[in-house]
Amino acid sequence: MNLLKRHLSVANVLSCMALFVALSGAAYAATTIGKKAVKTQNLANGAVTTLKLRGGAVTALKLRNGAVTGAKIAPGAVGSGQLANGAVRSAQLGGGVVTEGKLKNGAVTESKLFNGAVANAKLGANAVATGKIQDGAVTSAKLSSTLLAQLLKNVSYVTKTSLSNTTEKGKSVVAECPTGKQAIGGGARIVGATTKVAITESAATVSGEKRTAWSAAARDITETEGTSWAVEAFAICAEF
């Protein structure tokens, strides 16, 4: 006791009392802070770290517009399952973002293509095969004038036969094409006594610059009167 009295002074007593009051005040503050008592202005910058946030504490409603930028999103953090339907539109995609490898099979349908979007320069060699062309899809309007001029249209056949008798030694006949068509081919044949008659002419008939018909001629090569025969001409006609 005497030892305690020697060390006990007014300064020591006041120091102990101050320490007691300070500690008891802090303990009181820690145990009596109510809900919502700590405001935003009471928090120092950087005071609320990731470790101090419980799972799911930061919801979409608690984020202001533009708060989450690309630099704040980790690679792969936003998957397709986390995007709402229609959330990502063309205007929000950068140039070259959607590559061929990112498109699933059948994703690009006919209804998603603009008129004229698939031009010749975008088609690979042999990309358009016969099996990919719809019946009637290639019309004359889709062919170049040069190619169209080389194609045959509305092909028809015309035949003409001469009189059949025994009195005429030589006979000829002309098979004329309909108006607007030209002869692209033809021929001749004997009808009747073929062993005694020879064909002497089989050629296109030219009028101006157009082959309008096919001519045929034949002659009886015997000296005596034989059986009746005739010569027939046929023309293959078409529009150009």
C-alpha atoms as a PDB file:
ATOM      1  CA  MET A   1       0.000   0.000   0.000  1.00  0.00           C
ATOM      2  CA  ASN A   2       2.799   2.358   0.921  1.00  0.00           C
ATOM      3  CA  LEU A   3       4.430   1.545  -2.431  1.00  0.00           C
ATOM      4  CA  LEU A   4       1.156   2.371  -4.276  1.00  0.00           C
ATOM      5  CA  LYS A   5       0.835   5.663  -2.409  1.00  0.00           C
ATOM      6  CA  ARG A   6       4.359   6.678  -3.388  1.00  0.00           C
ATOM      7  CA  HIS A   7       3.513   6.213  -7.144  1.00  0.00           C
ATOM      8  CA  LEU A   8       0.013   7.641  -6.956  1.00  0.00           C
ATOM      9  CA  SER A   9      -0.164  11.251  -8.035  1.00  0.00           C
ATOM     10  CA  VAL A  10      -2.767  13.640  -9.384  1.00  0.00           C
ATOM     11  CA  ALA A  11      -1.346  13.300 -12.921  1.00  0.00           C
ATOM     12  CA  ASN A  12      -1.542   9.505 -12.823  1.00  0.00           C
ATOM     13  CA  VAL A  13      -5.113   9.538 -11.607  1.00  0.00           C
ATOM     14  CA  LEU A  14      -6.239  11.993 -14.280  1.00  0.00           C
ATOM     15  CA  SER A  15      -4.523   9.951 -17.021  1.00  0.00           C
ATOM     16  CA  CYS A  16      -6.274   6.738 -15.933  1.00  0.00           C
ATOM     17  CA  MET A  17      -9.634   8.475 -15.817  1.00  0.00           C
ATOM     18  CA  ALA A  18      -9.188   9.899 -19.348  1.00  0.00           C
ATOM     19  CA  LEU A  19      -8.234   6.488 -20.722  1.00  0.00           C
ATOM     20  CA  PHE A  20     -11.283   4.868 -19.088  1.00  0.00           C
ATOM     21  CA  VAL A  21     -13.650   7.439 -20.506  1.00  0.00           C
ATOM     22  CA  ALA A  22     -12.198   7.122 -24.031  1.00  0.00           C
ATOM     23  CA  LEU A  23     -12.441   3.328 -24.052  1.00  0.00           C
ATOM     24  CA  SER A  24     -15.907   3.217 -22.626  1.00  0.00           C
ATOM     25  CA  GLY A  25     -17.110   5.786 -25.210  1.00  0.00           C
ATOM     26  CA  ALA A  26     -15.804   3.791 -28.158  1.00  0.00           C
ATOM     27  CA  ALA A  27     -17.369   0.620 -26.804  1.00  0.00           C
ATOM     28  CA  TYR A  28     -20.633   2.411 -26.359  1.00  0.00           C
ATOM     29  CA  ALA A  29     -20.559   3.809 -29.909  1.00  0.00           C
ATOM     30  CA  ALA A  30     -19.807   0.411 -31.421  1.00  0.00           C
ATOM     31  CA  THR A  31     -22.704  -1.260 -29.646  1.00  0.00           C
ATOM     32  CA  THR A  32     -25.328   1.444 -30.042  1.00  0.00           C
ATOM     33  CA  ILE A  33     -25.049   2.478 -33.799  1.00  0.00           C
ATOM     34  CA  GLY A  34     -28.455   1.956 -35.326  1.00  0.00           C
ATOM     35  CA  LYS A  35     -29.486   0.851 -38.806  1.00  0.00           C
ATOM     36  CA  LYS A  36     -28.731   3.345 -41.593  1.00  0.00           C
ATOM     37  CA  ALA A  37     -26.743   5.421 -39.065  1.00  0.00           C
ATOM     38  CA  VAL A  38     -23.617   5.256 -41.271  1.00  0.00           C
ATOM     39  CA  LYS A  39     -24.211   7.503 -44.271  1.00  0.00           C
ATOM     40  CA  THR A  40     -22.261   7.755 -47.518  1.00  0.00           C
ATOM     41  CA  GLN A  41     -20.547  10.909 -46.320  1.00  0.00           C
ATOM     42  CA  ASN A  42     -19.271   8.985 -43.262  1.00  0.00           C
ATOM     43  CA  LEU A  43     -17.288   6.574 -45.502  1.00  0.00           C
ATOM     44  CA  ALA A  44     -13.797   7.410 -46.648  1.00  0.00           C
ATOM     45  CA  ASN A  45     -12.823   6.845 -50.294  1.00  0.00           C
ATOM     46  CA  GLY A  46     -11.994   3.177 -50.826  1.00  0.00           C
ATOM     47  CA  ALA A  47     -13.459   2.158 -47.444  1.00  0.00           C
ATOM     48  CA  VAL A  48     -15.966  -0.297 -48.969  1.00  0.00           C
ATOM     49  CA  THR A  49     -13.880  -2.963 -50.724  1.00  0.00           C
ATOM     50  CA  THR A  50     -14.986  -6.114 -52.561  1.00  0.00           C
ATOM     51  CA  LEU A  51     -14.297  -8.264 -49.481  1.00  0.00           C
ATOM     52  CA  LYS A  52     -16.722  -6.139 -47.441  1.00  0.00           C
ATOM     53  CA  LEU A  53     -19.644  -6.760 -49.816  1.00  0.00           C
ATOM     54  CA  ARG A  54     -21.810  -9.818 -49.333  1.00  0.00           C
ATOM     55  CA  GLY A  55     -22.842 -11.916 -52.345  1.00  0.00           C
ATOM     56  CA  GLY A  56     -25.609 -10.296 -54.383  1.00  0.00           C
ATOM     57  CA  ALA A  57     -25.403  -7.026 -52.449  1.00  0.00           C
ATOM     58  CA  VAL A  58     -24.797  -4.915 -55.572  1.00  0.00           C
ATOM     59  CA  THR A  59     -27.865  -5.337 -57.805  1.00  0.00           C
ATOM     60  CA  ALA A  60     -28.678  -3.678 -61.138  1.00  0.00           C
ATOM     61  CA  LEU A  61     -30.908  -1.133 -59.403  1.00  0.00           C
ATOM     62  CA  LYS A  62     -27.940   0.031 -57.307  1.00  0.00           C
ATOM     63  CA  LEU A  63     -25.801   0.830 -60.346  1.00  0.00           C
ATOM     64  CA  ARG A  64     -26.092   4.212 -62.020  1.00  0.00           C
ATOM     65  CA  ASN A  65     -26.190   4.489 -65.817  1.00  0.00           C
ATOM     66  CA  GLY A  66     -22.762   4.038 -67.347  1.00  0.00           C
ATOM     67  CA  ALA A  67     -21.198   2.897 -64.060  1.00  0.00           C
ATOM     68  CA  VAL A  68     -20.161  -0.507 -65.425  1.00  0.00           C
ATOM     69  CA  THR A  69     -17.754   0.146 -68.309  1.00  0.00           C
ATOM     70  CA  GLY A  70     -15.879  -2.342 -70.458  1.00  0.00           C
ATOM     71  CA  ALA A  71     -12.697  -1.883 -68.424  1.00  0.00           C
ATOM     72  CA  LYS A  72     -14.556  -3.016 -65.260  1.00  0.00           C
ATOM     73  CA  ILE A  73     -15.806  -6.308 -66.785  1.00  0.00           C
ATOM     74  CA  ALA A  74     -13.526  -9.335 -66.648  1.00  0.00           C
ATOM     75  CA  PRO A  75     -13.090 -11.438 -69.820  1.00  0.00           C
ATOM     76  CA  GLY A  76     -15.924 -13.965 -70.086  1.00  0.00           C
ATOM     77  CA  ALA A  77     -17.876 -12.387 -67.211  1.00  0.00           C
ATOM     78  CA  VAL A  78     -20.922 -11.652 -69.363  1.00  0.00           C
ATOM     79  CA  GLY A  79     -22.124 -14.832 -71.110  1.00  0.00           C
ATOM     80  CA  SER A  80     -25.039 -15.225 -73.524  1.00  0.00           C
ATOM     81  CA  GLY A  81     -27.211 -16.517 -70.672  1.00  0.00           C
ATOM     82  CA  GLN A  82     -26.824 -13.182 -68.860  1.00  0.00           C
ATOM     83  CA  LEU A  83     -28.055 -11.065 -71.759  1.00  0.00           C
ATOM     84  CA  ALA A  84     -31.714 -10.190 -72.216  1.00  0.00           C
ATOM     85  CA  ASN A  85     -33.346 -10.876 -75.574  1.00  0.00           C
ATOM     86  CA  GLY A  86     -32.573  -8.001 -77.932  1.00  0.00           C
ATOM     87  CA  ALA A  87     -30.082  -6.433 -75.510  1.00  0.00           C
ATOM     88  CA  VAL A  88     -27.210  -6.444 -78.005  1.00  0.00           C
ATOM     89  CA  ARG A  89     -28.164  -4.645 -81.245  1.00  0.00           C
ATOM     90  CA  SER A  90     -26.219  -3.830 -84.407  1.00  0.00           C
ATOM     91  CA  ALA A  91     -25.399  -0.295 -83.249  1.00  0.00           C
ATOM     92  CA  GLN A  92     -23.746  -1.684 -80.112  1.00  0.00           C
ATOM     93  CA  LEU A  93     -21.395  -4.010 -82.004  1.00  0.00           C
ATOM     94  CA  GLY A  94     -18.025  -2.829 -83.223  1.00  0.00           C
ATOM     95  CA  GLY A  95     -16.744  -3.467 -86.729  1.00  0.00           C
ATOM     96  CA  GLY A  96     -15.753  -7.092 -87.262  1.00  0.00           C
ATOM     97  CA  VAL A  97     -17.076  -8.227 -83.856  1.00  0.00           C
ATOM     98  CA  VAL A  98     -19.416 -10.846 -85.289  1.00  0.00           C
ATOM     99  CA  THR A  99     -17.120 -13.175 -87.220  1.00  0.00           C
ATOM    100  CA  GLU A 100     -18.001 -16.343 -89.100  1.00  0.00           C
ATOM    101  CA  GLY A 101     -16.816 -18.484 -86.187  1.00  0.00           C
ATOM    102  CA  LYS A 102     -19.337 -16.801 -83.855  1.00  0.00           C
ATOM    103  CA  LEU A 103     -22.352 -17.664 -86.008  1.00  0.00           C
ATOM    104  CA  LYS A 104     -24.094 -20.960 -85.417  1.00  0.00           C
ATOM    105  CA  ASN A 105     -25.183 -23.075 -88.377  1.00  0.00           C
ATOM    106  CA  GLY A 106     -28.361 -21.734 -89.951  1.00  0.00           C
ATOM    107  CA  ALA A 107     -28.238 -18.460 -87.988  1.00  0.00           C
ATOM    108  CA  VAL A 108     -28.203 -16.279 -91.111  1.00  0.00           C
ATOM    109  CA  THR A 109     -31.491 -16.986 -92.895  1.00  0.00           C
ATOM    110  CA  GLU A 110     -32.878 -15.437 -96.081  1.00  0.00           C
ATOM    111  CA  SER A 111     -35.128 -13.080 -94.096  1.00  0.00           C
ATOM    112  CA  LYS A 112     -32.034 -11.616 -92.348  1.00  0.00           C
ATOM    113  CA  LEU A 113     -30.312 -10.630 -95.597  1.00  0.00           C
ATOM    114  CA  PHE A 114     -30.828  -7.270 -97.288  1.00  0.00           C
ATOM    115  CA  ASN A 115     -31.697  -7.195-100.962  1.00  0.00           C
ATOM    116  CA  GLY A 116     -28.457  -7.419-102.906  1.00  0.00           C
ATOM    117  CA  ALA A 117     -26.440  -8.294 -99.775  1.00  0.00           C
ATOM    118  CA  VAL A 118     -24.977 -11.420-101.366  1.00  0.00           C
ATOM    119  CA  ALA A 119     -23.124 -10.052-104.395  1.00  0.00           C
ATOM    120  CA  ASN A 120     -20.980 -11.986-106.873  1.00  0.00           C
ATOM    121  CA  ALA A 121     -17.798 -10.861-105.102  1.00  0.00           C
ATOM    122  CA  LYS A 122     -19.027 -12.522-101.875  1.00  0.00           C
ATOM    123  CA  LEU A 123     -19.637 -15.925-103.452  1.00  0.00           C
ATOM    124  CA  GLY A 124     -16.873 -18.490-103.567  1.00  0.00           C
ATOM    125  CA  ALA A 125     -16.006 -20.478-106.652  1.00  0.00           C
ATOM    126  CA  ASN A 126     -18.667 -23.119-107.371  1.00  0.00           C
ATOM    127  CA  ALA A 127     -20.739 -21.846-104.418  1.00  0.00           C
ATOM    128  CA  VAL A 128     -23.951 -21.784-106.462  1.00  0.00           C
ATOM    129  CA  ALA A 129     -24.433 -25.354-107.645  1.00  0.00           C
ATOM    130  CA  THR A 130     -27.329 -26.682-109.718  1.00  0.00           C
ATOM    131  CA  GLY A 131     -28.991 -28.115-106.622  1.00  0.00           C
ATOM    132  CA  LYS A 132     -29.125 -24.632-105.046  1.00  0.00           C
ATOM    133  CA  ILE A 133     -31.010 -23.024-107.935  1.00  0.00           C
ATOM    134  CA  GLN A 134     -34.790 -23.114-107.732  1.00  0.00           C
ATOM    135  CA  ASP A 135     -36.726 -24.299-110.764  1.00  0.00           C
ATOM    136  CA  GLY A 136     -37.476 -21.305-112.982  1.00  0.00           C
ATOM    137  CA  ALA A 137     -35.099 -19.042-111.034  1.00  0.00           C
ATOM    138  CA  VAL A 138     -32.848 -18.326-114.024  1.00  0.00           C
ATOM    139  CA  THR A 139     -35.042 -16.320-116.393  1.00  0.00           C
ATOM    140  CA  SER A 140     -34.086 -14.509-119.605  1.00  0.00           C
ATOM    141  CA  ALA A 141     -34.093 -11.201-117.680  1.00  0.00           C
ATOM    142  CA  LYS A 142     -31.236 -12.532-115.532  1.00  0.00           C
ATOM    143  CA  LEU A 143     -29.048 -13.497-118.484  1.00  0.00           C
ATOM    144  CA  SER A 144     -26.642 -11.154-120.232  1.00  0.00           C
ATOM    145  CA  SER A 145     -27.651  -9.975-123.687  1.00  0.00           C
ATOM    146  CA  THR A 146     -24.567 -11.656-125.182  1.00  0.00           C
ATOM    147  CA  LEU A 147     -25.430 -15.040-123.696  1.00  0.00           C
ATOM    148  CA  LEU A 148     -29.109 -14.631-124.464  1.00  0.00           C
ATOM    149  CA  ALA A 149     -28.309 -14.030-128.137  1.00  0.00           C
ATOM    150  CA  GLN A 150     -26.565 -17.406-128.285  1.00  0.00           C
ATOM    151  CA  LEU A 151     -29.480 -19.348-126.822  1.00  0.00           C
ATOM    152  CA  LEU A 152     -32.211 -21.014-128.839  1.00  0.00           C
ATOM    153  CA  LYS A 153     -35.811 -20.206-127.979  1.00  0.00           C
ATOM    154  CA  ASN A 154     -39.113 -21.708-129.038  1.00  0.00           C
ATOM    155  CA  VAL A 155     -37.628 -24.508-131.157  1.00  0.00           C
ATOM    156  CA  SER A 156     -40.049 -26.090-133.632  1.00  0.00           C
ATOM    157  CA  TYR A 157     -39.913 -28.538-136.547  1.00  0.00           C
ATOM    158  CA  VAL A 158     -41.376 -28.013-140.020  1.00  0.00           C
ATOM    159  CA  THR A 159     -41.693 -30.664-142.757  1.00  0.00           C
ATOM    160  CA  LYS A 160     -42.789 -30.401-146.376  1.00  0.00           C
ATOM    161  CA  THR A 161     -43.181 -33.240-148.924  1.00  0.00           C
ATOM    162  CA  SER A 162     -43.261 -32.976-152.696  1.00  0.00           C
ATOM    163  CA  LEU A 163     -45.792 -34.694-154.966  1.00  0.00           C
ATOM    164  CA  SER A 164     -45.408 -38.467-155.155  1.00  0.00           C
ATOM    165  CA  ASN A 165     -45.482 -39.820-158.749  1.00  0.00           C
ATOM    166  CA  THR A 166     -43.450 -41.637-161.378  1.00  0.00           C
ATOM    167  CA  THR A 167     -43.513 -39.045-164.135  1.00  0.00           C
ATOM    168  CA  GLU A 168     -41.085 -36.476-162.734  1.00  0.00           C
ATOM    169  CA  LYS A 169     -37.435 -37.466-162.792  1.00  0.00           C
ATOM    170  CA  GLY A 170     -36.388 -34.598-160.491  1.00  0.00           C
ATOM    171  CA  LYS A 171     -38.332 -33.149-157.584  1.00  0.00           C
ATOM    172  CA  SER A 172     -37.685 -30.415-155.001  1.00  0.00           C
ATOM    173  CA  VAL A 173     -39.441 -28.993-151.961  1.00  0.00           C
ATOM    174  CA  VAL A 174     -38.894 -26.212-149.402  1.00  0.00           C
ATOM    175  CA  ALA A 175     -39.823 -26.388-145.686  1.00  0.00           C
ATOM    176  CA  GLU A 176     -40.291 -22.783-144.533  1.00  0.00           C
ATOM    177  CA  CYS A 177     -39.863 -21.645-140.913  1.00  0.00           C
ATOM    178  CA  PRO A 178     -42.645 -19.637-139.229  1.00  0.00           C
ATOM    179  CA  THR A 179     -42.311 -15.851-139.246  1.00  0.00           C
ATOM    180  CA  GLY A 180     -39.765 -14.652-136.702  1.00  0.00           C
ATOM    181  CA  LYS A 181     -37.790 -17.904-136.702  1.00  0.00           C
ATOM    182  CA  GLN A 182     -34.715 -19.077-138.574  1.00  0.00           C
ATOM    183  CA  ALA A 183     -33.578 -22.493-139.720  1.00  0.00           C
ATOM    184  CA  ILE A 184     -30.812 -23.739-137.452  1.00  0.00           C
ATOM    185  CA  GLY A 185     -30.696 -27.137-139.118  1.00  0.00           C
ATOM    186  CA  GLY A 186     -32.588 -29.508-141.385  1.00  0.00           C
ATOM    187  CA  GLY A 187     -32.413 -32.421-143.762  1.00  0.00           C
ATOM    188  CA  ALA A 188     -34.000 -34.405-146.576  1.00  0.00           C
ATOM    189  CA  ARG A 189     -35.239 -37.923-147.203  1.00  0.00           C
ATOM    190  CA  ILE A 190     -36.846 -39.980-149.936  1.00  0.00           C
ATOM    191  CA  VAL A 191     -40.340 -41.300-149.469  1.00  0.00           C
ATOM    192  CA  GLY A 192     -40.993 -44.341-151.669  1.00  0.00           C
ATOM    193  CA  ALA A 193     -38.511 -46.103-154.068  1.00  0.00           C
ATOM    194  CA  THR A 194     -35.362 -45.153-152.151  1.00  0.00           C
ATOM    195  CA  THR A 195     -33.050 -47.545-154.021  1.00  0.00           C
ATOM    196  CA  LYS A 196     -33.666 -45.786-157.355  1.00  0.00           C
ATOM    197  CA  VAL A 197     -33.659 -42.142-156.224  1.00  0.00           C
ATOM    198  CA  ALA A 198     -30.747 -40.004-155.036  1.00  0.00           C
ATOM    199  CA  ILE A 199     -30.863 -36.802-152.963  1.00  0.00           C
ATOM    200  CA  THR A 200     -29.169 -33.986-154.842  1.00  0.00           C
ATOM    201  CA  GLU A 201     -29.714 -31.070-152.443  1.00  0.00           C
ATOM    202  CA  SER A 202     -30.208 -30.534-148.705  1.00  0.00           C
ATOM    203  CA  ALA A 203     -29.382 -27.015-147.507  1.00  0.00           C
ATOM    204  CA  ALA A 204     -30.712 -23.924-145.772  1.00  0.00           C
ATOM    205  CA  THR A 205     -32.519 -21.315-147.857  1.00  0.00           C
ATOM    206  CA  VAL A 206     -31.031 -17.876-147.240  1.00  0.00           C
ATOM    207  CA  SER A 207     -33.080 -14.708-147.618  1.00  0.00           C
ATOM    208  CA  GLY A 208     -31.011 -11.595-146.984  1.00  0.00           C
ATOM    209  CA  GLU A 209     -28.966 -12.507-143.908  1.00  0.00           C
ATOM    210  CA  LYS A 210     -31.474 -14.972-142.482  1.00  0.00           C
ATOM    211  CA  ARG A 211     -31.922 -18.661-143.088  1.00  0.00           C
ATOM    212  CA  THR A 212     -35.683 -18.794-143.497  1.00  0.00           C
ATOM    213  CA  ALA A 213     -36.194 -22.377-144.732  1.00  0.00           C
ATOM    214  CA  TRP A 214     -34.642 -25.701-145.667  1.00  0.00           C
ATOM    215  CA  SER A 215     -34.536 -26.901-149.272  1.00  0.00           C
ATOM    216  CA  ALA A 216     -34.362 -30.501-150.468  1.00  0.00           C
ATOM    217  CA  ALA A 217     -34.144 -32.007-153.957  1.00  0.00           C
ATOM    218  CA  ALA A 218     -33.819 -35.525-155.377  1.00  0.00           C
ATOM    219  CA  ARG A 219     -33.640 -37.264-158.791  1.00  0.00           C
ATOM    220  CA  ASP A 220     -34.627 -40.623-160.228  1.00  0.00           C
ATOM    221  CA  ILE A 221     -31.350 -42.229-161.396  1.00  0.00           C
ATOM    222  CA  THR A 222     -32.954 -45.037-163.442  1.00  0.00           C
ATOM    223  CA  GLU A 223     -33.730 -44.879-167.154  1.00  0.00           C
ATOM    224  CA  THR A 224     -37.053 -46.652-166.912  1.00  0.00           C
ATOM    225  CA  GLU A 225     -40.155 -45.535-165.128  1.00  0.00           C
ATOM    226  CA  GLY A 226     -40.211 -46.913-161.562  1.00  0.00           C
ATOM    227  CA  THR A 227     -42.595 -46.694-158.645  1.00  0.00           C
ATOM    228  CA  SER A 228     -43.941 -43.474-157.218  1.00  0.00           C
ATOM    229  CA  TRP A 229     -41.647 -41.505-154.931  1.00  0.00           C
ATOM    230  CA  ALA A 230     -41.400 -38.112-153.235  1.00  0.00           C
ATOM    231  CA  VAL A 231     -38.756 -36.001-151.529  1.00  0.00           C
ATOM    232  CA  GLU A 232     -39.309 -34.581-148.070  1.00  0.00           C
ATOM    233  CA  ALA A 233     -37.544 -31.584-146.454  1.00  0.00           C
ATOM    234  CA  PHE A 234     -37.539 -30.830-142.741  1.00  0.00           C
ATOM    235  CA  ALA A 235     -36.334 -27.695-140.997  1.00  0.00           C
ATOM    236  CA  ILE A 236     -35.420 -27.110-137.345  1.00  0.00           C
ATOM    237  CA  CYS A 237     -36.550 -23.566-136.578  1.00  0.00           C
ATOM    238  CA  ALA A 238     -35.919 -21.323-133.561  1.00  0.00           C
ATOM    239  CA  GLU A 239     -36.053 -17.718-132.382  1.00  0.00           C
ATOM    240  CA  PHE A 240     -32.819 -15.753-131.783  1.00  0.00           C
END
